[in-house]
Amino acid sequence: MKTLHLELVTPNARVWRGDVRSVTIPAAKGDMGVLPGHAPYLGLLNEGRVTVRTATRGQRPLAFKISGGYTEVLPDSVTILADSAAQADLSPTPVP
């Protein structure tokens, strides 16, 4: 199974790092899914949720709420430089 190395950092700390099967990020033009082998990409991130599917099969996905920032995607790694980040709940957002 191919994986990506993910680093999620803020100006104050490294929030999370590890090998993942996929990551979904709140890119400037909408949510963007990243899998191993993705084309290089450098861009802005909106406020939103980063969803991480770890390399360990059967483990629940992780979620982090970020307040914007930047990302660098390479074929074998993703670096997220977030303004702020905190672990989040994966429950669906209620519709008003």
PDB file of N, CA and C in Angstrom:
ATOM      1  N   MET A   1       0.839  -1.169   0.000  1.00  0.00           N
ATOM      2  CA  MET A   1       0.000   0.000   0.000  1.00  0.00           C
ATOM      3  C   MET A   1       0.891   1.243   0.000  1.00  0.00           C
ATOM      4  N   LYS A   2       0.648   2.134  -0.946  1.00  0.00           N
ATOM      5  CA  LYS A   2       1.407   3.373  -1.004  1.00  0.00           C
ATOM      6  C   LYS A   2       0.864   4.349   0.028  1.00  0.00           C
ATOM      7  N   THR A   3       1.765   5.177   0.566  1.00  0.00           N
ATOM      8  CA  THR A   3       1.360   6.170   1.560  1.00  0.00           C
ATOM      9  C   THR A   3       2.010   7.517   1.265  1.00  0.00           C
ATOM     10  N   LEU A   4       1.503   8.520   1.946  1.00  0.00           N
ATOM     11  CA  LEU A   4       2.065   9.873   1.932  1.00  0.00           C
ATOM     12  C   LEU A   4       2.546  10.176   3.338  1.00  0.00           C
ATOM     13  N   HIS A   5       3.558  11.013   3.454  1.00  0.00           N
ATOM     14  CA  HIS A   5       3.959  11.496   4.767  1.00  0.00           C
ATOM     15  C   HIS A   5       3.290  12.856   4.959  1.00  0.00           C
ATOM     16  N   LEU A   6       2.538  13.004   6.043  1.00  0.00           N
ATOM     17  CA  LEU A   6       1.818  14.243   6.326  1.00  0.00           C
ATOM     18  C   LEU A   6       2.431  14.943   7.529  1.00  0.00           C
ATOM     19  N   GLU A   7       2.627  16.250   7.393  1.00  0.00           N
ATOM     20  CA  GLU A   7       3.047  17.105   8.512  1.00  0.00           C
ATOM     21  C   GLU A   7       2.037  18.228   8.600  1.00  0.00           C
ATOM     22  N   LEU A   8       1.419  18.389   9.773  1.00  0.00           N
ATOM     23  CA  LEU A   8       0.498  19.488  10.042  1.00  0.00           C
ATOM     24  C   LEU A   8       1.126  20.336  11.128  1.00  0.00           C
ATOM     25  N   VAL A   9       1.515  21.558  10.777  1.00  0.00           N
ATOM     26  CA  VAL A   9       2.202  22.426  11.728  1.00  0.00           C
ATOM     27  C   VAL A   9       1.529  23.799  11.787  1.00  0.00           C
ATOM     28  N   THR A  10       1.707  24.470  12.924  1.00  0.00           N
ATOM     29  CA  THR A  10       1.282  25.852  13.118  1.00  0.00           C
ATOM     30  C   THR A  10       2.529  26.643  13.493  1.00  0.00           C
ATOM     31  N   PRO A  11       2.428  27.969  13.592  1.00  0.00           N
ATOM     32  CA  PRO A  11       3.606  28.730  14.020  1.00  0.00           C
ATOM     33  C   PRO A  11       4.115  28.336  15.411  1.00  0.00           C
ATOM     34  N   ASN A  12       3.239  27.724  16.227  1.00  0.00           N
ATOM     35  CA  ASN A  12       3.608  27.395  17.602  1.00  0.00           C
ATOM     36  C   ASN A  12       3.999  25.946  17.852  1.00  0.00           C
ATOM     37  N   ALA A  13       3.567  25.036  16.991  1.00  0.00           N
ATOM     38  CA  ALA A  13       3.810  23.616  17.292  1.00  0.00           C
ATOM     39  C   ALA A  13       3.587  22.725  16.083  1.00  0.00           C
ATOM     40  N   ARG A  14       4.129  21.520  16.169  1.00  0.00           N
ATOM     41  CA  ARG A  14       3.794  20.463  15.216  1.00  0.00           C
ATOM     42  C   ARG A  14       2.560  19.787  15.793  1.00  0.00           C
ATOM     43  N   VAL A  15       1.473  19.812  15.056  1.00  0.00           N
ATOM     44  CA  VAL A  15       0.206  19.277  15.537  1.00  0.00           C
ATOM     45  C   VAL A  15       0.125  17.771  15.315  1.00  0.00           C
ATOM     46  N   TRP A  16       0.533  17.324  14.132  1.00  0.00           N
ATOM     47  CA  TRP A  16       0.465  15.896  13.826  1.00  0.00           C
ATOM     48  C   TRP A  16       1.404  15.586  12.674  1.00  0.00           C
ATOM     49  N   ARG A  17       1.979  14.392  12.710  1.00  0.00           N
ATOM     50  CA  ARG A  17       2.757  13.909  11.566  1.00  0.00           C
ATOM     51  C   ARG A  17       2.675  12.399  11.539  1.00  0.00           C
ATOM     52  N   GLY A  18       2.736  11.862  10.329  1.00  0.00           N
ATOM     53  CA  GLY A  18       2.689  10.421  10.178  1.00  0.00           C
ATOM     54  C   GLY A  18       2.398  10.044   8.745  1.00  0.00           C
ATOM     55  N   ASP A  19       2.342   8.749   8.505  1.00  0.00           N
ATOM     56  CA  ASP A  19       2.055   8.239   7.169  1.00  0.00           C
ATOM     57  C   ASP A  19       0.549   8.056   7.013  1.00  0.00           C
ATOM     58  N   VAL A  20       0.037   8.454   5.856  1.00  0.00           N
ATOM     59  CA  VAL A  20      -1.402   8.421   5.616  1.00  0.00           C
ATOM     60  C   VAL A  20      -1.696   7.800   4.257  1.00  0.00           C
ATOM     61  N   ARG A  21      -2.920   7.284   4.128  1.00  0.00           N
ATOM     62  CA  ARG A  21      -3.391   6.766   2.840  1.00  0.00           C
ATOM     63  C   ARG A  21      -3.962   7.891   1.997  1.00  0.00           C
ATOM     64  N   SER A  22      -4.586   8.872   2.669  1.00  0.00           N
ATOM     65  CA  SER A  22      -5.147  10.021   1.971  1.00  0.00           C
ATOM     66  C   SER A  22      -5.374  11.155   2.958  1.00  0.00           C
ATOM     67  N   VAL A  23      -5.513  12.350   2.415  1.00  0.00           N
ATOM     68  CA  VAL A  23      -5.833  13.532   3.217  1.00  0.00           C
ATOM     69  C   VAL A  23      -6.741  14.425   2.387  1.00  0.00           C
ATOM     70  N   THR A  24      -7.730  15.009   3.024  1.00  0.00           N
ATOM     71  CA  THR A  24      -8.622  15.975   2.381  1.00  0.00           C
ATOM     72  C   THR A  24      -8.382  17.320   3.037  1.00  0.00           C
ATOM     73  N   ILE A  25      -8.135  18.344   2.207  1.00  0.00           N
ATOM     74  CA  ILE A  25      -7.791  19.666   2.731  1.00  0.00           C
ATOM     75  C   ILE A  25      -8.751  20.715   2.173  1.00  0.00           C
ATOM     76  N   PRO A  26      -9.009  21.788   2.951  1.00  0.00           N
ATOM     77  CA  PRO A  26      -9.898  22.851   2.488  1.00  0.00           C
ATOM     78  C   PRO A  26      -9.150  23.852   1.601  1.00  0.00           C
ATOM     79  N   ALA A  27      -8.921  23.484   0.358  1.00  0.00           N
ATOM     80  CA  ALA A  27      -8.192  24.339  -0.580  1.00  0.00           C
ATOM     81  C   ALA A  27      -9.014  25.581  -0.910  1.00  0.00           C
ATOM     82  N   ALA A  28      -8.370  26.575  -1.465  1.00  0.00           N
ATOM     83  CA  ALA A  28      -9.021  27.853  -1.746  1.00  0.00           C
ATOM     84  C   ALA A  28     -10.241  27.717  -2.651  1.00  0.00           C
ATOM     85  N   LYS A  29     -10.244  26.742  -3.556  1.00  0.00           N
ATOM     86  CA  LYS A  29     -11.371  26.574  -4.481  1.00  0.00           C
ATOM     87  C   LYS A  29     -12.254  25.389  -4.126  1.00  0.00           C
ATOM     88  N   GLY A  30     -12.176  24.908  -2.902  1.00  0.00           N
ATOM     89  CA  GLY A  30     -12.994  23.786  -2.457  1.00  0.00           C
ATOM     90  C   GLY A  30     -12.145  22.677  -1.882  1.00  0.00           C
ATOM     91  N   ASP A  31     -12.799  21.703  -1.268  1.00  0.00           N
ATOM     92  CA  ASP A  31     -12.079  20.586  -0.670  1.00  0.00           C
ATOM     93  C   ASP A  31     -11.307  19.826  -1.740  1.00  0.00           C
ATOM     94  N   MET A  32     -10.093  19.415  -1.377  1.00  0.00           N
ATOM     95  CA  MET A  32      -9.212  18.730  -2.315  1.00  0.00           C
ATOM     96  C   MET A  32      -8.702  17.441  -1.662  1.00  0.00           C
ATOM     97  N   GLY A  33      -8.912  16.320  -2.333  1.00  0.00           N
ATOM     98  CA  GLY A  33      -8.399  15.047  -1.860  1.00  0.00           C
ATOM     99  C   GLY A  33      -7.013  14.797  -2.422  1.00  0.00           C
ATOM    100  N   VAL A  34      -6.140  14.255  -1.573  1.00  0.00           N
ATOM    101  CA  VAL A  34      -4.765  13.976  -1.988  1.00  0.00           C
ATOM    102  C   VAL A  34      -4.454  12.512  -1.702  1.00  0.00           C
ATOM    103  N   LEU A  35      -3.985  11.822  -2.736  1.00  0.00           N
ATOM    104  CA  LEU A  35      -3.559  10.429  -2.636  1.00  0.00           C
ATOM    105  C   LEU A  35      -2.082  10.338  -3.002  1.00  0.00           C
ATOM    106  N   PRO A  36      -1.415   9.230  -2.656  1.00  0.00           N
ATOM    107  CA  PRO A  36      -0.022   9.064  -3.071  1.00  0.00           C
ATOM    108  C   PRO A  36       0.116   9.227  -4.581  1.00  0.00           C
ATOM    109  N   GLY A  37       1.170   9.911  -5.015  1.00  0.00           N
ATOM    110  CA  GLY A  37       1.415  10.135  -6.431  1.00  0.00           C
ATOM    111  C   GLY A  37       0.774  11.401  -6.971  1.00  0.00           C
ATOM    112  N   HIS A  38       0.145  12.192  -6.095  1.00  0.00           N
ATOM    113  CA  HIS A  38      -0.519  13.423  -6.533  1.00  0.00           C
ATOM    114  C   HIS A  38       0.486  14.359  -7.199  1.00  0.00           C
ATOM    115  N   ALA A  39       0.032  15.118  -8.176  1.00  0.00           N
ATOM    116  CA  ALA A  39       0.882  16.113  -8.833  1.00  0.00           C
ATOM    117  C   ALA A  39       1.286  17.189  -7.825  1.00  0.00           C
ATOM    118  N   PRO A  40       2.483  17.758  -7.960  1.00  0.00           N
ATOM    119  CA  PRO A  40       2.904  18.826  -7.051  1.00  0.00           C
ATOM    120  C   PRO A  40       1.914  19.997  -7.083  1.00  0.00           C
ATOM    121  N   TYR A  41       1.686  20.569  -5.910  1.00  0.00           N
ATOM    122  CA  TYR A  41       0.719  21.657  -5.764  1.00  0.00           C
ATOM    123  C   TYR A  41       1.158  22.520  -4.588  1.00  0.00           C
ATOM    124  N   LEU A  42       1.056  23.818  -4.750  1.00  0.00           N
ATOM    125  CA  LEU A  42       1.338  24.772  -3.680  1.00  0.00           C
ATOM    126  C   LEU A  42       0.188  25.754  -3.667  1.00  0.00           C
ATOM    127  N   GLY A  43      -0.487  25.911  -2.523  1.00  0.00           N
ATOM    128  CA  GLY A  43      -1.646  26.790  -2.536  1.00  0.00           C
ATOM    129  C   GLY A  43      -2.118  27.217  -1.170  1.00  0.00           C
ATOM    130  N   LEU A  44      -3.086  28.132  -1.194  1.00  0.00           N
ATOM    131  CA  LEU A  44      -3.723  28.650   0.007  1.00  0.00           C
ATOM    132  C   LEU A  44      -4.771  27.681   0.518  1.00  0.00           C
ATOM    133  N   LEU A  45      -4.978  27.718   1.831  1.00  0.00           N
ATOM    134  CA  LEU A  45      -6.031  26.926   2.450  1.00  0.00           C
ATOM    135  C   LEU A  45      -7.045  27.855   3.097  1.00  0.00           C
ATOM    136  N   ASN A  46      -8.312  27.480   3.007  1.00  0.00           N
ATOM    137  CA  ASN A  46      -9.384  28.195   3.696  1.00  0.00           C
ATOM    138  C   ASN A  46      -9.539  27.639   5.096  1.00  0.00           C
ATOM    139  N   GLU A  47     -10.334  28.312   5.890  1.00  0.00           N
ATOM    140  CA  GLU A  47     -10.740  27.758   7.172  1.00  0.00           C
ATOM    141  C   GLU A  47     -11.571  26.525   6.875  1.00  0.00           C
ATOM    142  N   GLY A  48     -11.383  25.479   7.645  1.00  0.00           N
ATOM    143  CA  GLY A  48     -12.151  24.256   7.404  1.00  0.00           C
ATOM    144  C   GLY A  48     -11.553  23.063   8.102  1.00  0.00           C
ATOM    145  N   ARG A  49     -11.915  21.881   7.603  1.00  0.00           N
ATOM    146  CA  ARG A  49     -11.508  20.632   8.248  1.00  0.00           C
ATOM    147  C   ARG A  49     -10.544  19.866   7.360  1.00  0.00           C
ATOM    148  N   VAL A  50      -9.471  19.390   7.972  1.00  0.00           N
ATOM    149  CA  VAL A  50      -8.522  18.478   7.339  1.00  0.00           C
ATOM    150  C   VAL A  50      -8.890  17.078   7.821  1.00  0.00           C
ATOM    151  N   THR A  51      -9.164  16.172   6.880  1.00  0.00           N
ATOM    152  CA  THR A  51      -9.509  14.798   7.239  1.00  0.00           C
ATOM    153  C   THR A  51      -8.371  13.885   6.806  1.00  0.00           C
ATOM    154  N   VAL A  52      -7.910  13.063   7.733  1.00  0.00           N
ATOM    155  CA  VAL A  52      -6.735  12.216   7.528  1.00  0.00           C
ATOM    156  C   VAL A  52      -7.125  10.748   7.668  1.00  0.00           C
ATOM    157  N   ARG A  53      -6.825   9.969   6.647  1.00  0.00           N
ATOM    158  CA  ARG A  53      -6.991   8.514   6.728  1.00  0.00           C
ATOM    159  C   ARG A  53      -5.584   7.934   6.895  1.00  0.00           C
ATOM    160  N   THR A  54      -5.312   7.445   8.087  1.00  0.00           N
ATOM    161  CA  THR A  54      -3.964   6.977   8.409  1.00  0.00           C
ATOM    162  C   THR A  54      -3.618   5.718   7.635  1.00  0.00           C
ATOM    163  N   ALA A  55      -2.341   5.375   7.672  1.00  0.00           N
ATOM    164  CA  ALA A  55      -1.854   4.192   6.961  1.00  0.00           C
ATOM    165  C   ALA A  55      -2.317   2.898   7.613  1.00  0.00           C
ATOM    166  N   THR A  56      -2.796   2.967   8.854  1.00  0.00           N
ATOM    167  CA  THR A  56      -3.264   1.787   9.568  1.00  0.00           C
ATOM    168  C   THR A  56      -4.699   1.489   9.169  1.00  0.00           C
ATOM    169  N   ARG A  57      -4.904   0.406   8.456  1.00  0.00           N
ATOM    170  CA  ARG A  57      -6.256   0.039   8.018  1.00  0.00           C
ATOM    171  C   ARG A  57      -7.126  -0.250   9.242  1.00  0.00           C
ATOM    172  N   GLY A  58      -8.379   0.119   9.155  1.00  0.00           N
ATOM    173  CA  GLY A  58      -9.309  -0.136  10.243  1.00  0.00           C
ATOM    174  C   GLY A  58      -9.350   0.978  11.275  1.00  0.00           C
ATOM    175  N   GLN A  59      -8.369   1.854  11.261  1.00  0.00           N
ATOM    176  CA  GLN A  59      -8.361   2.967  12.209  1.00  0.00           C
ATOM    177  C   GLN A  59      -9.299   4.057  11.702  1.00  0.00           C
ATOM    178  N   ARG A  60     -10.045   4.653  12.618  1.00  0.00           N
ATOM    179  CA  ARG A  60     -10.956   5.735  12.241  1.00  0.00           C
ATOM    180  C   ARG A  60     -10.181   6.925  11.694  1.00  0.00           C
ATOM    181  N   PRO A  61     -10.749   7.635  10.737  1.00  0.00           N
ATOM    182  CA  PRO A  61     -10.080   8.841  10.242  1.00  0.00           C
ATOM    183  C   PRO A  61      -9.939   9.876  11.354  1.00  0.00           C
ATOM    184  N   LEU A  62      -8.938  10.728  11.206  1.00  0.00           N
ATOM    185  CA  LEU A  62      -8.713  11.831  12.138  1.00  0.00           C
ATOM    186  C   LEU A  62      -9.178  13.109  11.471  1.00  0.00           C
ATOM    187  N   ALA A  63      -9.558  14.092  12.270  1.00  0.00           N
ATOM    188  CA  ALA A  63      -9.972  15.378  11.714  1.00  0.00           C
ATOM    189  C   ALA A  63      -9.350  16.503  12.530  1.00  0.00           C
ATOM    190  N   PHE A  64      -8.981  17.563  11.826  1.00  0.00           N
ATOM    191  CA  PHE A  64      -8.412  18.756  12.451  1.00  0.00           C
ATOM    192  C   PHE A  64      -9.100  19.979  11.873  1.00  0.00           C
ATOM    193  N   LYS A  65      -9.468  20.913  12.715  1.00  0.00           N
ATOM    194  CA  LYS A  65     -10.049  22.181  12.287  1.00  0.00           C
ATOM    195  C   LYS A  65      -8.902  23.168  12.135  1.00  0.00           C
ATOM    196  N   ILE A  66      -8.786  23.775  10.944  1.00  0.00           N
ATOM    197  CA  ILE A  66      -7.734  24.771  10.735  1.00  0.00           C
ATOM    198  C   ILE A  66      -8.377  26.114  10.392  1.00  0.00           C
ATOM    199  N   SER A  67      -7.619  27.184  10.619  1.00  0.00           N
ATOM    200  CA  SER A  67      -8.154  28.522  10.361  1.00  0.00           C
ATOM    201  C   SER A  67      -7.523  29.156   9.129  1.00  0.00           C
ATOM    202  N   GLY A  68      -7.079  28.335   8.205  1.00  0.00           N
ATOM    203  CA  GLY A  68      -6.435  28.833   6.997  1.00  0.00           C
ATOM    204  C   GLY A  68      -4.951  28.569   7.028  1.00  0.00           C
ATOM    205  N   GLY A  69      -4.272  28.872   5.931  1.00  0.00           N
ATOM    206  CA  GLY A  69      -2.833  28.660   5.854  1.00  0.00           C
ATOM    207  C   GLY A  69      -2.411  28.323   4.438  1.00  0.00           C
ATOM    208  N   TYR A  70      -1.386  27.482   4.350  1.00  0.00           N
ATOM    209  CA  TYR A  70      -0.803  27.090   3.068  1.00  0.00           C
ATOM    210  C   TYR A  70      -0.555  25.593   3.070  1.00  0.00           C
ATOM    211  N   THR A  71      -0.471  25.016   1.879  1.00  0.00           N
ATOM    212  CA  THR A  71      -0.116  23.612   1.765  1.00  0.00           C
ATOM    213  C   THR A  71       0.879  23.412   0.635  1.00  0.00           C
ATOM    214  N   GLU A  72       1.731  22.429   0.811  1.00  0.00           N
ATOM    215  CA  GLU A  72       2.627  21.969  -0.245  1.00  0.00           C
ATOM    216  C   GLU A  72       2.363  20.481  -0.407  1.00  0.00           C
ATOM    217  N   VAL A  73       1.972  20.098  -1.617  1.00  0.00           N
ATOM    218  CA  VAL A  73       1.718  18.698  -1.927  1.00  0.00           C
ATOM    219  C   VAL A  73       2.795  18.237  -2.893  1.00  0.00           C
ATOM    220  N   LEU A  74       3.429  17.123  -2.565  1.00  0.00           N
ATOM    221  CA  LEU A  74       4.391  16.458  -3.433  1.00  0.00           C
ATOM    222  C   LEU A  74       3.895  15.028  -3.638  1.00  0.00           C
ATOM    223  N   PRO A  75       4.422  14.288  -4.595  1.00  0.00           N
ATOM    224  CA  PRO A  75       3.919  12.934  -4.844  1.00  0.00           C
ATOM    225  C   PRO A  75       3.971  12.007  -3.628  1.00  0.00           C
ATOM    226  N   ASP A  76       4.897  12.262  -2.689  1.00  0.00           N
ATOM    227  CA  ASP A  76       5.029  11.375  -1.536  1.00  0.00           C
ATOM    228  C   ASP A  76       4.871  12.078  -0.188  1.00  0.00           C
ATOM    229  N   SER A  77       4.462  13.365  -0.191  1.00  0.00           N
ATOM    230  CA  SER A  77       4.300  14.068   1.084  1.00  0.00           C
ATOM    231  C   SER A  77       3.349  15.253   0.950  1.00  0.00           C
ATOM    232  N   VAL A  78       2.773  15.627   2.095  1.00  0.00           N
ATOM    233  CA  VAL A  78       1.912  16.807   2.194  1.00  0.00           C
ATOM    234  C   VAL A  78       2.335  17.557   3.447  1.00  0.00           C
ATOM    235  N   THR A  79       2.588  18.850   3.293  1.00  0.00           N
ATOM    236  CA  THR A  79       2.886  19.707   4.429  1.00  0.00           C
ATOM    237  C   THR A  79       1.795  20.759   4.507  1.00  0.00           C
ATOM    238  N   ILE A  80       1.187  20.876   5.671  1.00  0.00           N
ATOM    239  CA  ILE A  80       0.162  21.879   5.907  1.00  0.00           C
ATOM    240  C   ILE A  80       0.711  22.859   6.932  1.00  0.00           C
ATOM    241  N   LEU A  81       0.814  24.130   6.527  1.00  0.00           N
ATOM    242  CA  LEU A  81       1.259  25.200   7.414  1.00  0.00           C
ATOM    243  C   LEU A  81       0.010  25.999   7.766  1.00  0.00           C
ATOM    244  N   ALA A  82      -0.613  25.659   8.894  1.00  0.00           N
ATOM    245  CA  ALA A  82      -1.888  26.258   9.278  1.00  0.00           C
ATOM    246  C   ALA A  82      -1.664  27.430  10.223  1.00  0.00           C
ATOM    247  N   ASP A  83      -2.555  28.431  10.112  1.00  0.00           N
ATOM    248  CA  ASP A  83      -2.501  29.552  11.048  1.00  0.00           C
ATOM    249  C   ASP A  83      -2.764  29.058  12.471  1.00  0.00           C
ATOM    250  N   SER A  84      -3.759  28.171  12.620  1.00  0.00           N
ATOM    251  CA  SER A  84      -4.023  27.478  13.880  1.00  0.00           C
ATOM    252  C   SER A  84      -4.694  26.156  13.545  1.00  0.00           C
ATOM    253  N   ALA A  85      -4.594  25.194  14.451  1.00  0.00           N
ATOM    254  CA  ALA A  85      -5.175  23.871  14.220  1.00  0.00           C
ATOM    255  C   ALA A  85      -5.511  23.215  15.545  1.00  0.00           C
ATOM    256  N   ALA A  86      -6.613  22.471  15.543  1.00  0.00           N
ATOM    257  CA  ALA A  86      -7.023  21.708  16.721  1.00  0.00           C
ATOM    258  C   ALA A  86      -7.744  20.458  16.247  1.00  0.00           C
ATOM    259  N   GLN A  87      -7.646  19.386  17.044  1.00  0.00           N
ATOM    260  CA  GLN A  87      -8.340  18.165  16.676  1.00  0.00           C
ATOM    261  C   GLN A  87      -9.842  18.442  16.668  1.00  0.00           C
ATOM    262  N   ALA A  88     -10.547  17.838  15.714  1.00  0.00           N
ATOM    263  CA  ALA A  88     -11.975  18.097  15.536  1.00  0.00           C
ATOM    264  C   ALA A  88     -12.760  16.798  15.534  1.00  0.00           C
ATOM    265  N   ASP A  89     -14.059  16.934  15.634  1.00  0.00           N
ATOM    266  CA  ASP A  89     -14.996  15.818  15.591  1.00  0.00           C
ATOM    267  C   ASP A  89     -15.348  15.527  14.138  1.00  0.00           C
ATOM    268  N   LEU A  90     -15.546  14.274  13.796  1.00  0.00           N
ATOM    269  CA  LEU A  90     -15.908  13.910  12.430  1.00  0.00           C
ATOM    270  C   LEU A  90     -17.417  13.806  12.226  1.00  0.00           C
ATOM    271  N   SER A  91     -18.206  14.213  13.219  1.00  0.00           N
ATOM    272  CA  SER A  91     -19.651  14.178  13.049  1.00  0.00           C
ATOM    273  C   SER A  91     -20.073  15.118  11.930  1.00  0.00           C
ATOM    274  N   PRO A  92     -21.117  14.750  11.191  1.00  0.00           N
ATOM    275  CA  PRO A  92     -21.578  15.634  10.121  1.00  0.00           C
ATOM    276  C   PRO A  92     -22.082  16.962  10.692  1.00  0.00           C
ATOM    277  N   THR A  93     -21.949  18.008   9.894  1.00  0.00           N
ATOM    278  CA  THR A  93     -22.437  19.319  10.301  1.00  0.00           C
ATOM    279  C   THR A  93     -23.958  19.326  10.134  1.00  0.00           C
ATOM    280  N   PRO A  94     -24.703  19.743  11.179  1.00  0.00           N
ATOM    281  CA  PRO A  94     -26.160  19.760  11.038  1.00  0.00           C
ATOM    282  C   PRO A  94     -26.612  20.779  10.004  1.00  0.00           C
ATOM    283  N   VAL A  95     -27.648  20.446   9.270  1.00  0.00           N
ATOM    284  CA  VAL A  95     -28.200  21.350   8.262  1.00  0.00           C
ATOM    285  C   VAL A  95     -29.312  22.149   8.924  1.00  0.00           C
ATOM    286  N   PRO A  96     -29.276  23.494   8.813  1.00  0.00           N
ATOM    287  CA  PRO A  96     -30.328  24.297   9.471  1.00  0.00           C
ATOM    288  C   PRO A  96     -31.688  24.126   8.822  1.00  0.00           C
TER     289      PRO A  96
END
